[in-house]
Amino acid sequence: MILVNTDYITGKQLETITLVKGSTIQTKHFGKDLAQSFKTLVGGELKSYTEMMNEARALATKRMVEEAEALGADAVINIRYASSAVMQGAAEVIVYGTAVKFVEN
């Protein structure tokens, strides 16, 4: 499965299938959340949250790819990510793009 954030794939003619998406809502363990809140006092990277968001993006991408594969897609183009805070210490990550098939010349 080819994943790109452009509206084309060099050397390929594309047939649009439909929009596909994947999402997840992630939170950290209360103890880690509390520890990270103290980190805000001194500054620096909140590594626990960075890890959480990386995991959330990977899971959302996996779900999008599974949806595209179920439709028989060869690739997903125009991929975009968005995130939002759902509540204190929890974030939603959504990824979406256009599932396409390769057209044989």
N, C-alpha and C. Protein backbone atom coordinates (compact mmCIF):
# COMPACT_ATOMS: atom_id res chain seq x y z
N MET A 1 0.86 -1.18 0.00
CA MET A 1 0.00 0.00 0.00
C MET A 1 0.90 1.24 0.00
N ILE A 2 0.68 2.10 -0.98
CA ILE A 2 1.43 3.34 -1.07
C ILE A 2 0.62 4.43 -0.37
N LEU A 3 1.30 5.20 0.49
CA LEU A 3 0.67 6.29 1.23
C LEU A 3 1.43 7.58 0.92
N VAL A 4 0.71 8.59 0.39
CA VAL A 4 1.36 9.86 0.06
C VAL A 4 0.46 11.03 0.45
N ASN A 5 1.09 12.19 0.64
CA ASN A 5 0.29 13.37 0.96
C ASN A 5 0.14 14.28 -0.26
N THR A 6 0.44 13.77 -1.44
CA THR A 6 0.24 14.49 -2.69
C THR A 6 -1.01 13.95 -3.38
N ASP A 7 -1.46 14.64 -4.43
CA ASP A 7 -2.66 14.18 -5.14
C ASP A 7 -2.30 13.34 -6.37
N TYR A 8 -1.08 12.87 -6.43
CA TYR A 8 -0.64 12.04 -7.55
C TYR A 8 0.45 11.07 -7.06
N ILE A 9 0.70 10.06 -7.87
CA ILE A 9 1.84 9.16 -7.66
C ILE A 9 2.56 9.11 -9.00
N THR A 10 3.78 9.55 -9.02
CA THR A 10 4.54 9.64 -10.26
C THR A 10 4.51 8.33 -11.03
N GLY A 11 4.17 8.44 -12.32
CA GLY A 11 4.16 7.27 -13.20
C GLY A 11 2.91 6.41 -13.12
N LYS A 12 1.92 6.81 -12.34
CA LYS A 12 0.70 6.02 -12.18
C LYS A 12 -0.52 6.83 -12.57
N GLN A 13 -1.44 6.20 -13.28
CA GLN A 13 -2.75 6.78 -13.51
C GLN A 13 -3.65 6.24 -12.42
N LEU A 14 -4.47 7.12 -11.85
CA LEU A 14 -5.26 6.74 -10.68
C LEU A 14 -6.75 6.81 -10.95
N GLU A 15 -7.46 5.86 -10.35
CA GLU A 15 -8.92 5.86 -10.35
C GLU A 15 -9.36 6.04 -8.90
N THR A 16 -10.12 7.08 -8.64
CA THR A 16 -10.58 7.37 -7.28
C THR A 16 -11.61 6.35 -6.83
N ILE A 17 -11.46 5.87 -5.59
CA ILE A 17 -12.46 4.98 -5.01
C ILE A 17 -13.35 5.79 -4.08
N THR A 18 -12.80 6.24 -2.95
CA THR A 18 -13.56 7.04 -2.00
C THR A 18 -12.65 7.55 -0.89
N LEU A 19 -13.21 8.37 -0.04
CA LEU A 19 -12.50 8.85 1.15
C LEU A 19 -12.37 7.71 2.15
N VAL A 20 -11.20 7.58 2.75
CA VAL A 20 -10.99 6.60 3.82
C VAL A 20 -10.41 7.34 5.02
N LYS A 21 -10.66 6.80 6.21
CA LYS A 21 -10.18 7.46 7.41
C LYS A 21 -9.90 6.45 8.50
N GLY A 22 -9.15 6.91 9.48
CA GLY A 22 -8.88 6.13 10.68
C GLY A 22 -8.75 7.09 11.84
N SER A 23 -9.16 6.66 13.01
CA SER A 23 -9.04 7.55 14.17
C SER A 23 -8.86 6.74 15.44
N THR A 24 -8.42 7.43 16.47
CA THR A 24 -8.30 6.84 17.80
C THR A 24 -8.28 7.97 18.82
N ILE A 25 -8.67 7.63 20.02
CA ILE A 25 -8.56 8.56 21.15
C ILE A 25 -7.66 7.89 22.16
N GLN A 26 -6.60 8.58 22.53
CA GLN A 26 -5.59 8.01 23.43
C GLN A 26 -5.49 8.85 24.70
N THR A 27 -5.13 8.19 25.77
CA THR A 27 -4.85 8.87 27.03
C THR A 27 -3.67 8.18 27.70
N LYS A 28 -3.08 8.84 28.64
CA LYS A 28 -1.96 8.26 29.38
C LYS A 28 -2.44 7.82 30.76
N HIS A 29 -1.74 6.86 31.30
CA HIS A 29 -1.99 6.38 32.66
C HIS A 29 -1.93 7.56 33.62
N PHE A 30 -2.80 7.59 34.61
CA PHE A 30 -2.89 8.70 35.55
C PHE A 30 -1.53 9.06 36.16
N GLY A 31 -0.76 8.06 36.55
CA GLY A 31 0.56 8.30 37.15
C GLY A 31 1.49 9.03 36.20
N LYS A 32 1.50 8.61 34.93
CA LYS A 32 2.34 9.28 33.94
C LYS A 32 1.82 10.68 33.66
N ASP A 33 0.49 10.83 33.64
CA ASP A 33 -0.10 12.13 33.41
C ASP A 33 0.30 13.10 34.52
N LEU A 34 0.25 12.64 35.75
CA LEU A 34 0.63 13.46 36.89
C LEU A 34 2.11 13.84 36.82
N ALA A 35 2.95 12.87 36.49
CA ALA A 35 4.39 13.14 36.38
C ALA A 35 4.66 14.17 35.29
N GLN A 36 3.95 14.08 34.17
CA GLN A 36 4.16 15.03 33.08
C GLN A 36 3.68 16.44 33.46
N SER A 37 2.68 16.52 34.31
CA SER A 37 2.19 17.84 34.73
C SER A 37 3.26 18.58 35.52
N PHE A 38 4.10 17.87 36.28
CA PHE A 38 5.20 18.51 37.00
C PHE A 38 6.27 18.99 36.03
N LYS A 39 6.42 18.30 34.90
CA LYS A 39 7.41 18.68 33.89
C LYS A 39 7.10 20.06 33.32
N THR A 40 5.82 20.43 33.29
CA THR A 40 5.46 21.74 32.75
C THR A 40 6.01 22.88 33.60
N LEU A 41 6.36 22.59 34.84
CA LEU A 41 6.91 23.62 35.72
C LEU A 41 8.33 24.01 35.32
N VAL A 42 9.09 23.04 34.80
CA VAL A 42 10.49 23.29 34.47
C VAL A 42 10.74 23.39 32.97
N GLY A 43 9.77 23.00 32.17
CA GLY A 43 9.90 23.08 30.72
C GLY A 43 10.56 21.84 30.13
N GLY A 44 10.55 21.77 28.83
CA GLY A 44 11.15 20.64 28.12
C GLY A 44 10.09 19.77 27.46
N GLU A 45 10.56 18.78 26.74
CA GLU A 45 9.67 17.88 26.01
C GLU A 45 8.91 16.98 26.97
N LEU A 46 7.63 16.80 26.70
CA LEU A 46 6.81 15.85 27.46
C LEU A 46 6.86 14.52 26.72
N LYS A 47 7.92 13.76 26.98
CA LYS A 47 8.20 12.54 26.21
C LYS A 47 7.07 11.53 26.27
N SER A 48 6.40 11.44 27.40
CA SER A 48 5.29 10.50 27.52
C SER A 48 4.17 10.86 26.55
N TYR A 49 3.92 12.15 26.38
CA TYR A 49 2.88 12.59 25.45
C TYR A 49 3.34 12.47 24.00
N THR A 50 4.60 12.72 23.75
CA THR A 50 5.13 12.52 22.40
C THR A 50 4.95 11.07 21.99
N GLU A 51 5.29 10.16 22.88
CA GLU A 51 5.12 8.73 22.63
C GLU A 51 3.65 8.39 22.39
N MET A 52 2.77 8.95 23.22
CA MET A 52 1.34 8.68 23.09
C MET A 52 0.84 9.14 21.72
N MET A 53 1.24 10.33 21.28
CA MET A 53 0.77 10.85 20.00
C MET A 53 1.34 10.06 18.83
N ASN A 54 2.59 9.61 18.93
CA ASN A 54 3.17 8.76 17.88
C ASN A 54 2.40 7.45 17.77
N GLU A 55 2.07 6.85 18.91
CA GLU A 55 1.28 5.61 18.91
C GLU A 55 -0.10 5.86 18.33
N ALA A 56 -0.71 6.98 18.67
CA ALA A 56 -2.05 7.30 18.17
C ALA A 56 -2.03 7.50 16.66
N ARG A 57 -1.03 8.20 16.12
CA ARG A 57 -0.93 8.39 14.67
C ARG A 57 -0.73 7.06 13.96
N ALA A 58 0.11 6.19 14.53
CA ALA A 58 0.35 4.89 13.92
C ALA A 58 -0.93 4.04 13.89
N LEU A 59 -1.67 4.04 14.98
CA LEU A 59 -2.91 3.26 15.05
C LEU A 59 -3.96 3.83 14.10
N ALA A 60 -4.11 5.14 14.05
CA ALA A 60 -5.08 5.76 13.14
C ALA A 60 -4.71 5.45 11.69
N THR A 61 -3.42 5.52 11.36
CA THR A 61 -2.96 5.20 10.00
C THR A 61 -3.26 3.75 9.66
N LYS A 62 -2.99 2.84 10.60
CA LYS A 62 -3.27 1.41 10.39
C LYS A 62 -4.75 1.20 10.09
N ARG A 63 -5.62 1.86 10.81
CA ARG A 63 -7.07 1.72 10.59
C ARG A 63 -7.49 2.27 9.23
N MET A 64 -6.88 3.38 8.81
CA MET A 64 -7.17 3.93 7.49
C MET A 64 -6.73 2.96 6.39
N VAL A 65 -5.53 2.41 6.53
CA VAL A 65 -5.01 1.46 5.55
C VAL A 65 -5.91 0.22 5.48
N GLU A 66 -6.36 -0.28 6.62
CA GLU A 66 -7.25 -1.44 6.63
C GLU A 66 -8.54 -1.15 5.87
N GLU A 67 -9.08 0.06 6.05
CA GLU A 67 -10.30 0.44 5.33
C GLU A 67 -10.03 0.50 3.82
N ALA A 68 -8.90 1.07 3.44
CA ALA A 68 -8.54 1.17 2.03
C ALA A 68 -8.33 -0.22 1.42
N GLU A 69 -7.64 -1.10 2.14
CA GLU A 69 -7.40 -2.46 1.64
C GLU A 69 -8.71 -3.22 1.45
N ALA A 70 -9.66 -3.02 2.35
CA ALA A 70 -10.97 -3.69 2.24
C ALA A 70 -11.72 -3.24 0.99
N LEU A 71 -11.40 -2.05 0.48
CA LEU A 71 -12.03 -1.53 -0.74
C LEU A 71 -11.24 -1.91 -1.99
N GLY A 72 -10.12 -2.61 -1.82
CA GLY A 72 -9.29 -3.01 -2.95
C GLY A 72 -8.37 -1.91 -3.46
N ALA A 73 -8.08 -0.94 -2.65
CA ALA A 73 -7.23 0.17 -3.06
C ALA A 73 -5.77 -0.26 -3.18
N ASP A 74 -5.06 0.41 -4.08
CA ASP A 74 -3.62 0.21 -4.23
C ASP A 74 -2.83 1.26 -3.46
N ALA A 75 -3.48 2.39 -3.18
CA ALA A 75 -2.79 3.51 -2.52
C ALA A 75 -3.81 4.43 -1.86
N VAL A 76 -3.29 5.29 -0.99
CA VAL A 76 -4.10 6.38 -0.42
C VAL A 76 -3.32 7.66 -0.69
N ILE A 77 -3.99 8.62 -1.33
CA ILE A 77 -3.36 9.89 -1.66
C ILE A 77 -3.98 11.02 -0.84
N ASN A 78 -3.34 12.18 -0.88
CA ASN A 78 -3.83 13.36 -0.15
C ASN A 78 -4.05 13.10 1.34
N ILE A 79 -3.14 12.39 1.96
CA ILE A 79 -3.29 12.05 3.38
C ILE A 79 -3.09 13.28 4.24
N ARG A 80 -3.98 13.44 5.20
CA ARG A 80 -3.93 14.55 6.15
C ARG A 80 -4.16 14.02 7.56
N TYR A 81 -3.52 14.63 8.53
CA TYR A 81 -3.69 14.29 9.94
C TYR A 81 -4.27 15.49 10.68
N ALA A 82 -5.07 15.21 11.68
CA ALA A 82 -5.58 16.26 12.57
C ALA A 82 -5.66 15.68 13.97
N SER A 83 -5.55 16.55 14.96
CA SER A 83 -5.69 16.09 16.34
C SER A 83 -6.42 17.15 17.15
N SER A 84 -7.04 16.69 18.20
CA SER A 84 -7.73 17.62 19.09
C SER A 84 -7.76 17.04 20.49
N ALA A 85 -7.81 17.92 21.47
CA ALA A 85 -7.93 17.50 22.86
C ALA A 85 -9.40 17.15 23.11
N VAL A 86 -9.63 15.97 23.64
CA VAL A 86 -10.99 15.53 23.93
C VAL A 86 -11.32 15.88 25.38
N MET A 87 -10.34 15.72 26.24
CA MET A 87 -10.44 16.06 27.65
C MET A 87 -9.03 16.20 28.18
N GLN A 88 -8.88 16.58 29.43
CA GLN A 88 -7.55 16.72 30.02
C GLN A 88 -6.78 15.41 29.89
N GLY A 89 -5.65 15.44 29.19
CA GLY A 89 -4.79 14.27 29.08
C GLY A 89 -5.21 13.26 28.03
N ALA A 90 -6.25 13.58 27.22
CA ALA A 90 -6.69 12.66 26.16
C ALA A 90 -6.76 13.42 24.84
N ALA A 91 -6.33 12.78 23.78
CA ALA A 91 -6.33 13.42 22.47
C ALA A 91 -6.88 12.46 21.42
N GLU A 92 -7.60 13.04 20.46
CA GLU A 92 -8.07 12.29 19.31
C GLU A 92 -7.13 12.58 18.16
N VAL A 93 -6.79 11.54 17.41
CA VAL A 93 -6.02 11.70 16.18
C VAL A 93 -6.86 11.09 15.07
N ILE A 94 -7.03 11.85 13.99
CA ILE A 94 -7.73 11.34 12.83
C ILE A 94 -6.83 11.52 11.62
N VAL A 95 -6.86 10.54 10.73
CA VAL A 95 -6.12 10.60 9.47
C VAL A 95 -7.12 10.25 8.38
N TYR A 96 -7.01 10.97 7.25
CA TYR A 96 -7.92 10.69 6.15
C TYR A 96 -7.22 10.94 4.83
N GLY A 97 -7.73 10.31 3.80
CA GLY A 97 -7.17 10.47 2.47
C GLY A 97 -8.10 9.85 1.45
N THR A 98 -7.66 9.85 0.20
CA THR A 98 -8.46 9.31 -0.89
C THR A 98 -7.88 7.97 -1.32
N ALA A 99 -8.71 6.92 -1.23
CA ALA A 99 -8.30 5.59 -1.67
C ALA A 99 -8.37 5.57 -3.20
N VAL A 100 -7.34 5.01 -3.83
CA VAL A 100 -7.28 4.95 -5.29
C VAL A 100 -6.81 3.57 -5.75
N LYS A 101 -7.17 3.25 -7.00
CA LYS A 101 -6.65 2.06 -7.67
C LYS A 101 -5.77 2.54 -8.81
N PHE A 102 -4.78 1.74 -9.17
CA PHE A 102 -3.93 2.04 -10.32
C PHE A 102 -4.66 1.60 -11.59
N VAL A 103 -4.63 2.45 -12.62
CA VAL A 103 -5.25 2.14 -13.90
C VAL A 103 -4.14 1.67 -14.83
N GLU A 104 -4.34 0.51 -15.42
CA GLU A 104 -3.35 -0.05 -16.35
C GLU A 104 -3.46 0.68 -17.69
N ASN A 105 -2.32 1.03 -18.27
CA ASN A 105 -2.32 1.71 -19.57
C ASN A 105 -2.42 0.72 -20.69
